[in-house]
Amino acid sequence: MVEWSESERTIITSIFSSLDYDDIGAKALCRCLIVYPWTQRYFGGYGNLYNATAIKNNPLIAAHGTKVLHGLDRAVKNMDDIKATYAELSVLHSEKLHVDPDNFKLLADCLTVVIAAKMGSAFTAEIQAAFQKFLCVVVSALGRQYH
């Protein structure tokens, strides 16, 4: 079980309370698909993903990015038991979607970059450490079914 300080809890909830899920989710997923093009294989039914412009303008990608952030919101609301919160999603991604669990880390890194760019100088080392700790716990929970 992960121990969260009150400062970490405050940082995480503050970040998520100020996010525009539609904007940040789309940007993070687009960045992942562009920077790591092999991740596109999981989005074969999403239409044209032939270049960065097509990915950025794809409404299905944008919608899925928003869905991902709402999924993270579940973890924010259940920080004391993220593993159980994501048990079903872990099974889904492992057994049905066959997503390589390393891709969760790639998307988490992209999300960190997008949020850091959005926050600018307010994204301090303390905030980054708490946010990355949170994402590491989420990535571990999503990958649990694979172990």
Protein backbone atom coordinates (compact mmCIF):
# COMPACT_ATOMS: atom_id res chain seq x y z
CA MET A 1 0.00 0.00 0.00
CA VAL A 2 1.24 3.45 -0.87
CA GLU A 3 1.54 6.10 1.80
CA TRP A 4 0.41 9.57 0.75
CA SER A 5 1.35 12.69 2.66
CA GLU A 6 -1.28 15.39 3.05
CA SER A 7 0.86 17.58 0.80
CA GLU A 8 0.87 14.93 -1.95
CA ARG A 9 -2.88 14.47 -1.66
CA THR A 10 -3.41 18.20 -1.91
CA ILE A 11 -1.12 18.50 -4.92
CA ILE A 12 -2.80 15.65 -6.81
CA THR A 13 -6.34 16.84 -6.12
CA SER A 14 -5.37 20.41 -6.98
CA ILE A 15 -3.90 19.39 -10.32
CA PHE A 16 -6.97 17.41 -11.31
CA SER A 17 -9.43 20.02 -10.08
CA SER A 18 -7.92 22.61 -12.41
CA LEU A 19 -7.58 20.45 -15.54
CA ASP A 20 -9.55 20.90 -18.72
CA TYR A 21 -10.00 17.17 -19.33
CA ASP A 22 -10.93 17.61 -22.99
CA ASP A 23 -7.83 19.68 -23.73
CA ILE A 24 -5.24 17.89 -21.62
CA GLY A 25 -6.50 14.37 -22.34
CA ALA A 26 -6.45 14.91 -26.09
CA LYS A 27 -3.01 16.52 -26.03
CA ALA A 28 -1.49 13.76 -23.89
CA LEU A 29 -2.87 10.91 -26.00
CA CYS A 30 -1.93 12.67 -29.24
CA ARG A 31 1.61 13.20 -27.96
CA CYS A 32 1.86 9.52 -27.07
CA LEU A 33 0.64 8.37 -30.48
CA ILE A 34 2.96 10.78 -32.32
CA VAL A 35 6.10 10.33 -30.22
CA TYR A 36 5.64 6.57 -29.86
CA PRO A 37 3.99 5.58 -33.16
CA TRP A 38 3.92 1.87 -32.31
CA THR A 39 1.22 2.68 -29.75
CA GLN A 40 -1.11 3.46 -32.66
CA ARG A 41 -1.70 -0.26 -33.20
CA TYR A 42 -4.29 -0.23 -30.41
CA PHE A 43 -6.32 2.41 -32.22
CA GLY A 44 -6.84 0.68 -35.56
CA GLY A 45 -10.54 1.43 -35.56
CA TYR A 46 -10.05 5.15 -34.96
CA GLY A 47 -9.62 6.12 -38.60
CA ASN A 48 -6.83 8.18 -40.12
CA LEU A 49 -3.70 8.19 -37.94
CA TYR A 50 -1.22 8.62 -40.81
CA ASN A 51 0.53 11.72 -39.51
CA ALA A 52 0.62 14.15 -36.59
CA THR A 53 -1.99 16.46 -38.09
CA ALA A 54 -4.42 13.60 -38.66
CA ILE A 55 -3.92 12.38 -35.08
CA LYS A 56 -4.40 15.86 -33.60
CA ASN A 57 -7.60 16.39 -35.59
CA ASN A 58 -9.09 12.96 -34.89
CA PRO A 59 -12.20 13.36 -32.70
CA LEU A 60 -12.07 9.72 -31.59
CA ILE A 61 -8.54 10.17 -30.25
CA ALA A 62 -9.57 13.37 -28.46
CA ALA A 63 -12.57 11.61 -26.92
CA HIS A 64 -10.42 8.71 -25.74
CA GLY A 65 -7.92 11.12 -24.21
CA THR A 66 -10.76 12.68 -22.22
CA LYS A 67 -11.90 9.20 -21.18
CA VAL A 68 -8.39 8.42 -19.92
CA LEU A 69 -8.36 11.53 -17.74
CA HIS A 70 -11.76 10.68 -16.31
CA GLY A 71 -10.30 7.27 -15.54
CA LEU A 72 -7.46 8.94 -13.67
CA ASP A 73 -10.03 10.96 -11.77
CA ARG A 74 -11.24 7.65 -10.32
CA ALA A 75 -7.76 7.12 -8.87
CA VAL A 76 -7.73 10.62 -7.39
CA LYS A 77 -10.99 9.83 -5.60
CA ASN A 78 -9.67 6.45 -4.39
CA MET A 79 -6.03 7.19 -3.60
CA ASP A 80 -5.99 4.73 -0.72
CA ASP A 81 -6.87 1.77 -2.92
CA ILE A 82 -5.88 2.51 -6.51
CA LYS A 83 -5.06 -1.16 -7.08
CA ALA A 84 -8.66 -2.24 -6.44
CA THR A 85 -10.01 0.77 -8.31
CA TYR A 86 -8.24 -0.38 -11.46
CA ALA A 87 -8.62 -4.14 -11.09
CA GLU A 88 -11.27 -4.38 -13.84
CA LEU A 89 -9.42 -2.00 -16.16
CA SER A 90 -6.26 -4.03 -15.70
CA VAL A 91 -8.09 -7.20 -16.74
CA LEU A 92 -9.71 -5.42 -19.70
CA HIS A 93 -6.42 -4.02 -21.01
CA SER A 94 -4.60 -7.30 -20.42
CA GLU A 95 -7.04 -9.97 -21.51
CA LYS A 96 -9.31 -8.27 -24.04
CA LEU A 97 -7.35 -5.36 -25.51
CA HIS A 98 -3.89 -6.96 -25.12
CA VAL A 99 -2.24 -3.62 -24.46
CA ASP A 100 1.49 -3.78 -23.77
CA PRO A 101 1.73 -2.53 -20.15
CA ASP A 102 4.80 -0.44 -21.03
CA ASN A 103 2.43 1.83 -22.94
CA PHE A 104 0.82 2.95 -19.69
CA LYS A 105 4.17 4.40 -18.63
CA LEU A 106 4.62 6.09 -22.01
CA LEU A 107 1.21 7.74 -21.73
CA ALA A 108 1.94 8.77 -18.14
CA ASP A 109 5.16 10.43 -19.30
CA CYS A 110 3.28 12.25 -22.06
CA LEU A 111 0.65 13.40 -19.60
CA THR A 112 3.38 14.73 -17.31
CA VAL A 113 4.90 16.74 -20.17
CA VAL A 114 1.51 18.19 -21.18
CA ILE A 115 0.63 19.17 -17.61
CA ALA A 116 4.10 20.62 -17.03
CA ALA A 117 3.73 22.73 -20.16
CA LYS A 118 0.28 23.88 -19.04
CA MET A 119 1.40 24.77 -15.52
CA GLY A 120 4.70 26.35 -16.54
CA SER A 121 6.85 27.52 -13.64
CA ALA A 122 4.14 26.44 -11.18
CA PHE A 123 5.11 22.83 -11.98
CA THR A 124 7.77 22.74 -9.28
CA ALA A 125 9.97 19.81 -8.36
CA GLU A 126 7.67 19.03 -5.41
CA ILE A 127 4.61 19.01 -7.64
CA GLN A 128 6.36 16.90 -10.26
CA ALA A 129 7.47 14.37 -7.65
CA ALA A 130 3.96 13.98 -6.23
CA PHE A 131 2.38 13.78 -9.68
CA GLN A 132 4.85 11.20 -10.94
CA LYS A 133 4.43 9.15 -7.77
CA PHE A 134 0.67 9.16 -8.40
CA LEU A 135 1.12 8.10 -12.02
CA CYS A 136 3.57 5.34 -11.04
CA VAL A 137 0.95 3.90 -8.68
CA VAL A 138 -1.68 4.09 -11.43
CA VAL A 139 0.63 2.46 -13.98
CA SER A 140 1.46 -0.31 -11.52
CA ALA A 141 -2.24 -0.91 -10.79
CA LEU A 142 -3.09 -1.05 -14.50
CA GLY A 143 -0.26 -3.48 -15.11
CA ARG A 144 -1.08 -5.69 -12.16
CA GLN A 145 -3.02 -8.25 -14.22
CA TYR A 146 0.09 -8.83 -16.32
CA HIS A 147 2.22 -9.97 -13.35
